[in-house]
Structure formats: C-alpha cells, structure tokens
Protein backbone atom coordinates (compact mmCIF):
# COMPACT_ATOMS: atom_id res chain seq x y z
CA MET A 1 0.20 0.09 0.00
CA SER A 2 1.41 3.54 -1.01
CA PHE A 3 1.87 6.05 1.51
CA ARG A 4 -1.07 8.42 0.26
CA ALA A 5 -3.61 5.13 0.06
CA LEU A 6 -2.57 4.51 4.21
CA THR A 7 -2.80 8.28 5.18
CA ILE A 8 -6.45 8.70 2.91
CA GLY A 9 -7.37 4.87 5.10
CA LEU A 10 -6.61 6.57 8.34
CA GLY A 11 -8.21 9.97 7.45
CA ALA A 12 -11.42 8.05 6.98
CA LEU A 13 -11.22 6.20 10.24
CA LEU A 14 -10.86 9.00 11.83
CA GLU A 15 -13.71 11.01 10.61
CA LEU A 16 -16.21 7.64 11.35
CA ALA A 17 -14.48 7.92 15.09
CA VAL A 18 -15.35 11.24 15.12
CA ALA A 19 -19.03 10.75 13.97
CA GLY A 20 -19.48 7.77 16.47
CA CYS A 21 -18.76 9.92 19.29
CA HIS A 22 -21.44 12.65 18.56
CA SER A 23 -24.09 10.48 17.09
CA GLU A 24 -24.18 8.93 20.71
CA GLN A 25 -25.54 11.28 23.32
CA LYS A 26 -27.63 14.02 21.84
CA PRO A 27 -29.22 17.40 24.07
CA SER A 28 -33.03 16.52 25.16
CA ALA A 29 -35.50 19.20 25.71
CA GLN A 30 -35.01 18.66 29.38
CA GLY A 31 -31.40 19.49 29.05
CA GLY A 32 -30.01 15.54 30.02
CA THR A 33 -29.09 13.72 26.78
CA SER A 34 -30.87 11.41 24.48
CA GLY A 35 -27.81 8.79 25.18
CA SER A 36 -29.36 8.29 28.97
CA GLY A 37 -32.32 6.75 28.50
CA GLY A 38 -34.22 9.70 28.08
CA GLN A 39 -33.10 11.04 32.19
CA GLY A 40 -33.98 14.74 33.39
CA SER A 41 -31.83 17.33 33.85
CA THR A 42 -29.62 17.05 36.64
CA GLN A 43 -30.41 20.82 37.71
CA THR A 44 -33.70 20.29 38.63
CA SER A 45 -34.73 21.03 42.08
CA PHE A 46 -38.50 20.95 42.37
CA PHE A 47 -41.38 19.15 40.41
CA VAL A 48 -44.93 18.77 40.70
CA SER A 49 -45.48 14.57 41.43
CA SER A 50 -46.43 13.25 38.03
CA ASP A 51 -47.90 10.26 40.39
CA LYS A 52 -51.41 10.74 42.70
CA SER A 53 -52.72 9.14 45.75
CA MET A 54 -56.66 9.09 46.32
CA THR A 55 -56.52 9.86 49.96
CA GLY A 56 -54.56 11.94 52.34
CA ASN A 57 -52.91 8.59 53.92
CA LEU A 58 -49.25 9.43 52.19
CA GLY A 59 -47.48 7.29 54.65
CA GLY A 60 -46.47 10.14 56.86
CA LEU A 61 -43.38 12.69 56.64
CA SER A 62 -41.18 9.64 55.67
CA GLY A 63 -43.48 8.05 52.86
CA ALA A 64 -44.22 11.39 51.08
CA ASP A 65 -39.89 11.59 51.08
CA ALA A 66 -39.85 8.58 49.47
CA ARG A 67 -42.34 8.75 47.42
CA CYS A 68 -40.56 11.90 46.01
CA LYS A 69 -36.98 10.27 45.62
CA ALA A 70 -38.90 7.30 43.62
CA LEU A 71 -40.10 9.82 40.99
CA ALA A 72 -36.31 11.49 40.80
CA ASP A 73 -34.24 8.28 40.95
CA ALA A 74 -36.44 7.07 38.12
CA ALA A 75 -36.26 10.60 35.84
CA GLY A 76 -32.81 10.73 36.25
CA LEU A 77 -32.91 14.30 38.36
CA GLY A 78 -29.14 13.41 40.15
CA ASN A 79 -28.31 12.33 43.44
CA LYS A 80 -29.75 14.55 45.82
CA THR A 81 -31.93 14.19 49.25
CA TRP A 82 -35.80 14.72 48.54
CA HIS A 83 -38.64 15.90 50.44
CA ALA A 84 -42.30 16.63 50.14
CA TYR A 85 -43.00 20.35 50.61
CA LEU A 86 -45.86 19.04 53.51
CA SER A 87 -46.29 20.38 57.28
CA VAL A 88 -47.50 18.26 60.27
CA GLU A 89 -48.55 18.77 63.77
CA SER A 90 -46.52 15.93 65.33
CA ASP A 91 -43.86 14.32 63.96
CA PRO A 92 -41.73 11.27 65.07
CA ALA A 93 -38.83 12.87 63.95
CA ASN A 94 -38.84 15.95 65.86
CA GLY A 95 -40.10 14.41 68.81
CA GLY A 96 -42.96 14.69 68.62
CA ALA A 97 -43.57 18.62 67.41
CA ALA A 98 -45.29 20.26 64.58
CA THR A 99 -42.82 20.47 61.60
CA ASN A 100 -43.52 23.43 58.84
CA ALA A 101 -43.14 22.76 55.71
CA ARG A 102 -40.95 26.02 54.81
CA ASP A 103 -38.27 24.16 57.49
CA ARG A 104 -37.61 20.90 55.57
CA ILE A 105 -36.98 21.83 51.32
CA GLY A 106 -33.92 23.65 52.22
CA ALA A 107 -32.64 27.03 51.36
CA GLY A 108 -32.53 27.02 47.48
CA PRO A 109 -32.73 28.32 44.79
CA TRP A 110 -34.95 25.67 43.17
CA TYR A 111 -35.34 25.10 39.27
CA ASN A 112 -38.09 23.10 37.92
CA SER A 113 -37.40 20.04 35.31
CA LYS A 114 -37.22 22.39 32.41
CA GLY A 115 -34.43 24.32 33.93
CA ALA A 116 -36.04 27.39 34.82
CA LEU A 117 -35.82 29.02 38.53
CA VAL A 118 -38.79 29.02 40.51
CA ALA A 119 -37.51 30.79 43.86
CA ASN A 120 -33.72 31.32 45.04
CA ASP A 121 -34.88 31.25 48.77
CA VAL A 122 -37.20 30.33 51.09
CA ALA A 123 -38.58 34.07 51.52
CA ALA A 124 -38.58 34.48 47.77
CA LEU A 125 -40.42 31.37 47.61
CA HIS A 126 -43.58 32.19 49.80
CA SER A 127 -43.95 35.65 48.35
CA ARG A 128 -44.82 34.07 44.82
CA THR A 129 -47.86 32.83 43.59
CA GLY A 130 -49.01 29.54 41.53
CA ASP A 131 -47.85 29.30 37.46
CA ALA A 132 -49.05 26.33 35.21
CA GLU A 133 -45.62 27.17 33.32
CA LEU A 134 -43.83 26.85 36.29
CA PHE A 135 -44.89 24.49 38.34
CA LEU A 136 -44.46 21.37 36.44
CA ASP A 137 -43.86 17.47 37.25
CA GLU A 138 -40.63 15.72 36.64
CA HIS A 139 -41.34 14.77 33.48
CA GLY A 140 -41.51 18.98 32.57
CA THR A 141 -45.46 18.29 31.55
CA LYS A 142 -47.89 20.75 32.88
CA ILE A 143 -50.31 19.57 35.42
CA ASN A 144 -54.17 19.82 34.65
CA GLY A 145 -55.79 22.84 35.86
CA GLN A 146 -57.51 26.38 35.45
CA TRP A 147 -55.19 27.46 32.57
CA PRO A 148 -56.35 28.05 29.04
CA GLY A 149 -56.54 25.11 27.48
CA SER A 150 -55.92 22.85 30.14
CA PRO A 151 -57.23 19.11 29.71
CA THR A 152 -59.40 17.73 32.20
CA PRO A 153 -59.84 16.80 34.69
CA ASN A 154 -58.51 19.57 36.75
CA GLU A 155 -55.95 18.14 38.91
CA HIS A 156 -54.80 21.22 40.17
CA ASP A 157 -55.09 20.89 44.28
CA VAL A 158 -51.15 20.19 45.57
CA LEU A 159 -51.21 18.44 49.11
CA THR A 160 -49.38 20.62 51.76
CA GLY A 161 -50.98 20.96 55.43
CA SER A 162 -49.64 24.69 55.52
CA ASN A 163 -50.43 28.26 55.98
CA PRO A 164 -49.50 31.11 53.04
CA ASP A 165 -45.98 31.87 54.65
CA GLY A 166 -45.29 27.68 54.68
CA THR A 167 -46.07 26.82 58.48
CA VAL A 168 -48.79 24.04 59.92
CA MET A 169 -52.08 24.58 59.90
CA PRO A 170 -53.42 22.56 62.44
CA SER A 171 -56.38 20.43 61.83
CA MET A 172 -55.64 20.31 58.09
CA THR A 173 -52.91 17.31 57.06
CA CYS A 174 -54.99 14.34 57.52
CA ALA A 175 -53.39 13.61 60.75
CA ASN A 176 -50.04 14.16 59.62
CA TRP A 177 -50.97 12.20 56.46
CA THR A 178 -51.63 8.97 57.72
CA SER A 179 -55.53 9.08 57.56
CA ALA A 180 -58.23 9.07 54.87
CA ASP A 181 -61.08 9.68 56.59
CA ALA A 182 -63.72 11.69 55.22
CA GLY A 183 -64.25 13.34 58.33
CA MET A 184 -60.75 15.28 58.09
CA ALA A 185 -59.60 17.80 55.51
CA ALA A 186 -56.11 18.89 54.31
CA GLN A 187 -55.23 22.66 52.89
CA VAL A 188 -54.30 21.97 49.51
CA GLY A 189 -52.70 25.09 46.96
CA HIS A 190 -52.88 26.02 43.49
CA SER A 191 -50.07 24.26 41.34
CA ASP A 192 -51.20 27.25 38.65
CA GLY A 193 -52.30 29.82 41.06
CA LEU A 194 -55.71 30.22 39.31
CA GLY A 195 -59.26 29.33 40.63
CA PRO A 196 -62.84 28.93 38.87
CA GLY A 197 -62.73 30.88 35.82
CA ALA A 198 -58.88 31.05 35.32
CA ASN A 199 -59.72 33.56 38.49
CA ALA A 200 -55.81 34.38 39.75
CA ASN A 201 -57.04 36.56 42.84
CA PRO A 202 -56.18 35.44 46.20
CA PRO A 203 -56.10 32.93 47.95
CA PHE A 204 -57.21 31.05 44.31
CA SER A 205 -53.33 32.37 43.26
CA SER A 206 -51.79 30.73 46.18
CA TRP A 207 -49.63 27.78 45.56
CA ASN A 208 -49.46 26.48 48.45
CA SER A 209 -52.30 26.97 50.24
CA ALA A 210 -55.95 27.76 48.62
CA HIS A 211 -58.36 26.38 49.91
CA ALA A 212 -59.19 22.85 51.97
CA SER A 213 -59.58 19.47 50.35
CA GLN A 214 -63.22 17.49 50.76
CA GLY A 215 -62.35 15.35 52.96
CA CYS A 216 -58.84 12.99 53.17
CA ASN A 217 -60.54 9.81 52.05
CA ASP A 218 -60.64 11.28 48.45
CA THR A 219 -58.62 13.96 46.42
CA ALA A 220 -60.31 14.76 43.63
CA PRO A 221 -63.22 16.94 44.70
CA ARG A 222 -62.84 20.26 44.21
CA GLY A 223 -59.92 19.74 41.77
CA GLY A 224 -57.50 17.46 43.35
CA ALA A 225 -55.71 14.06 42.72
CA GLY A 226 -53.15 13.61 45.98
CA ARG A 227 -50.11 15.36 44.06
CA ILE A 228 -47.62 16.57 46.68
CA TYR A 229 -44.33 18.91 45.70
CA CYS A 230 -41.42 17.60 45.80
CA PHE A 231 -38.16 19.77 46.15
CA ALA A 232 -34.33 18.98 46.44
CA ILE A 233 -32.71 20.08 49.90
CA ASN A 234 -29.01 19.75 48.44
C-alpha cells in the first residue's frame, strides 16, 4: 500500500470515530441526553409529583419523602435528597413536635424540570404565586388546572397542610398524612395559581394554601389528585 493510500484510509477511520461520538448523546428537551435513556436534567430541584394518591394517607412524611425520591430517581434527576413540601402537627422525627413545610425543603434556589428558576430562596418562594408554566412535574409536563386549554380533569390541588407562609395549618393535614378519614381535610395549594374561570386573585393564586380539600378519603373533589410538591434540599 502506498503512503498516500494509507493516509487517506486513516483519515476516513478518524472521521467515522468522530461521527460516532457525536451520535451517542444528543441534548434532550429537559437538559439531559438522549444517550442516558431520556433522563431529566440533574439541575432540577423542584417538581410536582406526576403520580397521585386517592387519599390523604401518604404514609406520613417519610412515605411522602420516599415517593419524591422514587420519582426523581426514575426521572434521572441526580443524586439528591428529596423532601415533600408538607407540614405536620406531630412529627416523630422531631420529638413529636410540629414540623413546618418551609423548614424541610432546604435553602434554594430551586429549578423546575426544564431548568427555569422557581424561586431563589424560602422567602421568595413564599411570596410568589402558582404558575402552570413553572410548576411542572418531574418530566416537564404541565399539571391539569384552570389555565386556558388545560386537559381535564382539573388536578391542580396539591396537598400541603400549610398556611401561606409555609407553617402548619392545624387540623388540616389528614392526621399528619396518615388518614383516609372522610371527616378530616387537608389544606391544598393551586399549582397553576388559578381558581374557577382562571381567577388569579387570592386565595386562588396561592401555590401552597388556596383552600381545604373535601375530605381525606378522596382527593379528587374540588380539583385534586393527591399530588405533592417535591424539593431537593441539597
């Protein structure tokens, strides 16, 4: 083989190798790579749960936290510690004292599953309103709500058990997220910040404290599906 032919052959092999490397991983819509199995961005530190609960019995805070972690792991959101945004009146991990949702989600900032900033810190988070474009699930999907063109049914009621400032609302936590009693209720927020007829006035605009659920036995009436907010605390 001549020197010129050898050079041409090596050049062709190099071009094939480079092309192969470029084809292995392409940017995904969520900031991950198609070569990683469609997994989401590791920047994500906030999402609304894509899964649902028929009742207010979430297995307590530990059960809700495990739910957030399982969803985040399945979506490839990186090695983080995830906590559900839920308040309780009695927390075994806190010596039986109350625990406020605002105190268990870290310091921020938090980004949604499309890389958009939700809030820089706890104060900014609790001064904002719900937003269908920002309060997305772990896959980047909007939550059914009152926003124009939304699919049905309405599922924007997210369980929190909290006042607008993120502190526990007494008797509104489905017995610390362990009960499916029809005689109990939970405080919910609106992920889209909208009420009937796309009303964006308070309290409908609140992402964490819009109104009470009908009962802990069924999260669907009044516009719910037993979704929760999940935050990465690190």
